[in-house]
N, C-alpha and C. Protein backbone atom coordinates (compact mmCIF):
# COMPACT_ATOMS: atom_id res chain seq x y z
N MET A 1 8.12 10.88 0.95
CA MET A 1 6.81 10.66 0.41
C MET A 1 6.69 11.45 -0.88
N LYS A 2 6.12 10.86 -1.87
CA LYS A 2 5.92 11.52 -3.16
C LYS A 2 4.75 12.50 -3.06
N THR A 3 4.94 13.67 -3.61
CA THR A 3 3.86 14.66 -3.65
C THR A 3 3.54 15.00 -5.10
N GLU A 4 2.38 15.57 -5.30
CA GLU A 4 1.94 15.91 -6.66
C GLU A 4 1.38 17.33 -6.71
N PHE A 5 2.16 18.28 -6.20
CA PHE A 5 1.74 19.67 -6.26
C PHE A 5 2.01 20.23 -7.64
N SER A 6 1.13 21.11 -8.09
CA SER A 6 1.35 21.77 -9.38
C SER A 6 2.40 22.86 -9.19
N LEU A 7 2.94 23.34 -10.30
CA LEU A 7 3.92 24.43 -10.22
C LEU A 7 3.29 25.67 -9.62
N ALA A 8 2.01 25.90 -9.92
CA ALA A 8 1.30 27.06 -9.36
C ALA A 8 1.20 26.93 -7.84
N GLN A 9 0.91 25.71 -7.36
CA GLN A 9 0.83 25.50 -5.92
C GLN A 9 2.19 25.71 -5.27
N LEU A 10 3.24 25.21 -5.89
CA LEU A 10 4.58 25.32 -5.33
C LEU A 10 5.10 26.76 -5.32
N ALA A 11 4.45 27.65 -6.06
CA ALA A 11 4.83 29.06 -6.03
C ALA A 11 4.46 29.69 -4.69
N ASP A 12 3.50 29.08 -3.98
CA ASP A 12 3.10 29.55 -2.65
C ASP A 12 4.16 29.07 -1.66
N PRO A 13 4.80 29.98 -0.92
CA PRO A 13 5.86 29.57 0.00
C PRO A 13 5.39 28.56 1.06
N ASP A 14 4.16 28.67 1.50
CA ASP A 14 3.65 27.73 2.51
C ASP A 14 3.52 26.32 1.92
N ILE A 15 3.04 26.23 0.69
CA ILE A 15 2.92 24.93 0.03
C ILE A 15 4.30 24.36 -0.26
N ALA A 16 5.21 25.22 -0.67
CA ALA A 16 6.59 24.76 -0.94
C ALA A 16 7.23 24.20 0.34
N GLU A 17 6.98 24.85 1.47
CA GLU A 17 7.52 24.34 2.74
C GLU A 17 6.84 23.01 3.11
N ALA A 18 5.52 22.92 2.93
CA ALA A 18 4.81 21.67 3.20
C ALA A 18 5.33 20.55 2.31
N ASP A 19 5.61 20.86 1.06
CA ASP A 19 6.15 19.87 0.12
C ASP A 19 7.48 19.32 0.64
N LYS A 20 8.33 20.21 1.11
CA LYS A 20 9.63 19.79 1.64
C LYS A 20 9.46 18.89 2.87
N ILE A 21 8.53 19.24 3.75
CA ILE A 21 8.28 18.45 4.95
C ILE A 21 7.69 17.08 4.58
N LEU A 22 6.72 17.07 3.67
CA LEU A 22 6.09 15.81 3.27
C LEU A 22 7.10 14.88 2.61
N ARG A 23 7.97 15.43 1.79
CA ARG A 23 8.97 14.61 1.11
C ARG A 23 10.01 14.05 2.07
N ALA A 24 10.12 14.63 3.27
CA ALA A 24 11.09 14.15 4.26
C ALA A 24 10.63 12.85 4.93
N CYS A 25 9.33 12.56 4.89
CA CYS A 25 8.82 11.33 5.51
C CYS A 25 9.21 10.14 4.64
N VAL A 26 9.95 9.20 5.25
CA VAL A 26 10.41 8.03 4.50
C VAL A 26 9.66 6.76 4.91
N HIS A 27 8.58 6.92 5.63
CA HIS A 27 7.73 5.79 6.05
C HIS A 27 8.47 4.79 6.92
N CYS A 28 9.36 5.28 7.78
CA CYS A 28 10.14 4.37 8.62
C CYS A 28 9.31 3.75 9.74
N GLY A 29 8.26 4.44 10.18
CA GLY A 29 7.40 3.90 11.23
C GLY A 29 7.87 4.19 12.64
N PHE A 30 9.00 4.85 12.81
CA PHE A 30 9.49 5.14 14.15
C PHE A 30 8.53 6.04 14.93
N CYS A 31 7.79 6.88 14.25
CA CYS A 31 6.89 7.81 14.92
C CYS A 31 5.69 7.09 15.56
N THR A 32 5.34 5.91 15.09
CA THR A 32 4.16 5.23 15.63
C THR A 32 4.35 4.82 17.09
N ALA A 33 5.55 4.51 17.48
CA ALA A 33 5.80 4.09 18.86
C ALA A 33 5.57 5.20 19.87
N THR A 34 5.66 6.46 19.43
CA THR A 34 5.48 7.58 20.34
C THR A 34 4.16 8.30 20.14
N CYS A 35 3.32 7.80 19.28
CA CYS A 35 2.02 8.43 19.00
C CYS A 35 0.96 7.80 19.91
N PRO A 36 0.42 8.57 20.86
CA PRO A 36 -0.55 7.98 21.79
C PRO A 36 -1.81 7.46 21.10
N THR A 37 -2.26 8.12 20.05
CA THR A 37 -3.46 7.66 19.34
C THR A 37 -3.20 6.32 18.67
N TYR A 38 -2.06 6.18 18.01
CA TYR A 38 -1.74 4.92 17.35
C TYR A 38 -1.52 3.81 18.37
N VAL A 39 -0.83 4.13 19.46
CA VAL A 39 -0.58 3.12 20.49
C VAL A 39 -1.90 2.62 21.06
N LEU A 40 -2.86 3.52 21.28
CA LEU A 40 -4.15 3.15 21.85
C LEU A 40 -5.01 2.38 20.87
N LEU A 41 -5.12 2.87 19.62
CA LEU A 41 -6.04 2.28 18.65
C LEU A 41 -5.39 1.27 17.71
N GLY A 42 -4.09 1.41 17.47
CA GLY A 42 -3.40 0.49 16.57
C GLY A 42 -3.83 0.58 15.12
N ASP A 43 -4.41 1.69 14.74
CA ASP A 43 -4.91 1.87 13.37
C ASP A 43 -3.98 2.80 12.60
N GLU A 44 -3.49 2.34 11.46
CA GLU A 44 -2.57 3.13 10.64
C GLU A 44 -3.14 4.49 10.26
N LEU A 45 -4.44 4.59 10.04
CA LEU A 45 -5.03 5.87 9.67
C LEU A 45 -5.00 6.87 10.82
N ASP A 46 -4.86 6.37 12.05
CA ASP A 46 -4.75 7.24 13.22
C ASP A 46 -3.30 7.50 13.61
N SER A 47 -2.38 7.04 12.80
CA SER A 47 -0.96 7.23 13.09
C SER A 47 -0.51 8.57 12.52
N PRO A 48 0.68 9.00 12.88
CA PRO A 48 1.21 10.22 12.27
C PRO A 48 1.24 10.11 10.74
N ARG A 49 1.57 8.94 10.23
CA ARG A 49 1.61 8.74 8.78
C ARG A 49 0.23 8.94 8.16
N GLY A 50 -0.80 8.44 8.83
CA GLY A 50 -2.17 8.63 8.35
C GLY A 50 -2.54 10.10 8.30
N ARG A 51 -2.13 10.82 9.33
CA ARG A 51 -2.41 12.26 9.36
C ARG A 51 -1.63 12.99 8.26
N ILE A 52 -0.40 12.55 8.02
CA ILE A 52 0.40 13.17 6.96
C ILE A 52 -0.28 12.96 5.61
N TYR A 53 -0.78 11.76 5.36
CA TYR A 53 -1.49 11.51 4.10
C TYR A 53 -2.73 12.39 3.98
N LEU A 54 -3.45 12.56 5.08
CA LEU A 54 -4.64 13.41 5.06
C LEU A 54 -4.27 14.86 4.74
N MET A 55 -3.22 15.37 5.39
CA MET A 55 -2.78 16.74 5.10
C MET A 55 -2.31 16.88 3.66
N LYS A 56 -1.58 15.88 3.17
CA LYS A 56 -1.09 15.90 1.79
C LYS A 56 -2.26 15.98 0.82
N GLU A 57 -3.27 15.15 1.03
CA GLU A 57 -4.44 15.16 0.14
C GLU A 57 -5.15 16.51 0.19
N MET A 58 -5.28 17.09 1.38
CA MET A 58 -5.94 18.39 1.52
C MET A 58 -5.17 19.47 0.76
N LEU A 59 -3.85 19.49 0.95
CA LEU A 59 -3.04 20.52 0.30
C LEU A 59 -3.01 20.35 -1.21
N GLU A 60 -2.88 19.12 -1.68
CA GLU A 60 -2.82 18.89 -3.13
C GLU A 60 -4.15 19.22 -3.81
N SER A 61 -5.25 18.91 -3.15
CA SER A 61 -6.57 19.15 -3.76
C SER A 61 -7.03 20.58 -3.57
N GLY A 62 -6.45 21.27 -2.58
CA GLY A 62 -6.88 22.64 -2.30
C GLY A 62 -8.19 22.70 -1.55
N LYS A 63 -8.67 21.57 -1.07
CA LYS A 63 -9.94 21.52 -0.35
C LYS A 63 -9.67 21.40 1.15
N PRO A 64 -10.46 22.12 1.96
CA PRO A 64 -10.25 22.03 3.41
C PRO A 64 -10.72 20.69 3.96
N ALA A 65 -10.23 20.37 5.14
CA ALA A 65 -10.67 19.14 5.81
C ALA A 65 -12.14 19.30 6.22
N THR A 66 -12.82 18.21 6.24
CA THR A 66 -14.19 18.21 6.71
C THR A 66 -14.24 17.47 8.03
N PRO A 67 -15.32 17.63 8.79
CA PRO A 67 -15.41 16.89 10.06
C PRO A 67 -15.32 15.38 9.85
N LEU A 68 -15.71 14.90 8.68
CA LEU A 68 -15.65 13.47 8.40
C LEU A 68 -14.49 13.18 7.46
N SER A 69 -13.31 13.65 7.83
CA SER A 69 -12.15 13.37 7.01
C SER A 69 -11.86 11.88 7.01
N ARG A 70 -10.99 11.45 6.13
CA ARG A 70 -10.79 10.04 5.83
C ARG A 70 -10.63 9.16 7.07
N CYS A 71 -9.81 9.58 8.03
CA CYS A 71 -9.58 8.71 9.18
C CYS A 71 -10.84 8.53 9.99
N ARG A 72 -11.69 9.54 10.06
CA ARG A 72 -12.93 9.41 10.82
C ARG A 72 -13.98 8.65 10.03
N ARG A 73 -14.00 8.81 8.72
CA ARG A 73 -14.96 8.05 7.91
C ARG A 73 -14.80 6.56 8.10
N ARG A 74 -13.54 6.12 8.13
CA ARG A 74 -13.27 4.70 8.27
C ARG A 74 -13.80 4.20 9.61
N ARG A 75 -13.56 4.96 10.68
CA ARG A 75 -14.03 4.55 12.00
C ARG A 75 -15.55 4.49 12.06
N LEU A 76 -16.22 5.38 11.32
CA LEU A 76 -17.68 5.42 11.33
C LEU A 76 -18.29 4.44 10.34
N GLY A 77 -17.45 3.78 9.55
CA GLY A 77 -17.94 2.81 8.59
C GLY A 77 -18.54 3.44 7.35
N LEU A 78 -18.13 4.67 7.03
CA LEU A 78 -18.66 5.34 5.83
C LEU A 78 -17.78 5.12 4.64
């Protein structure tokens, strides 16, 4: 997965490790078969990939998650 962290962000060892983990996701979809939320709901935003995108956006923007993060907003129709 492509990330867009700044050099300043990548200086933080935790962000650098997250960058490495995020870049390891190749969107193969194998994780969806073992994800109980995705199996139950069948919604890509509730899949591991959806959660990875949410974490990526939070880390890149530097903003914490809110109770109405993207996957929940969609379910609520917001």
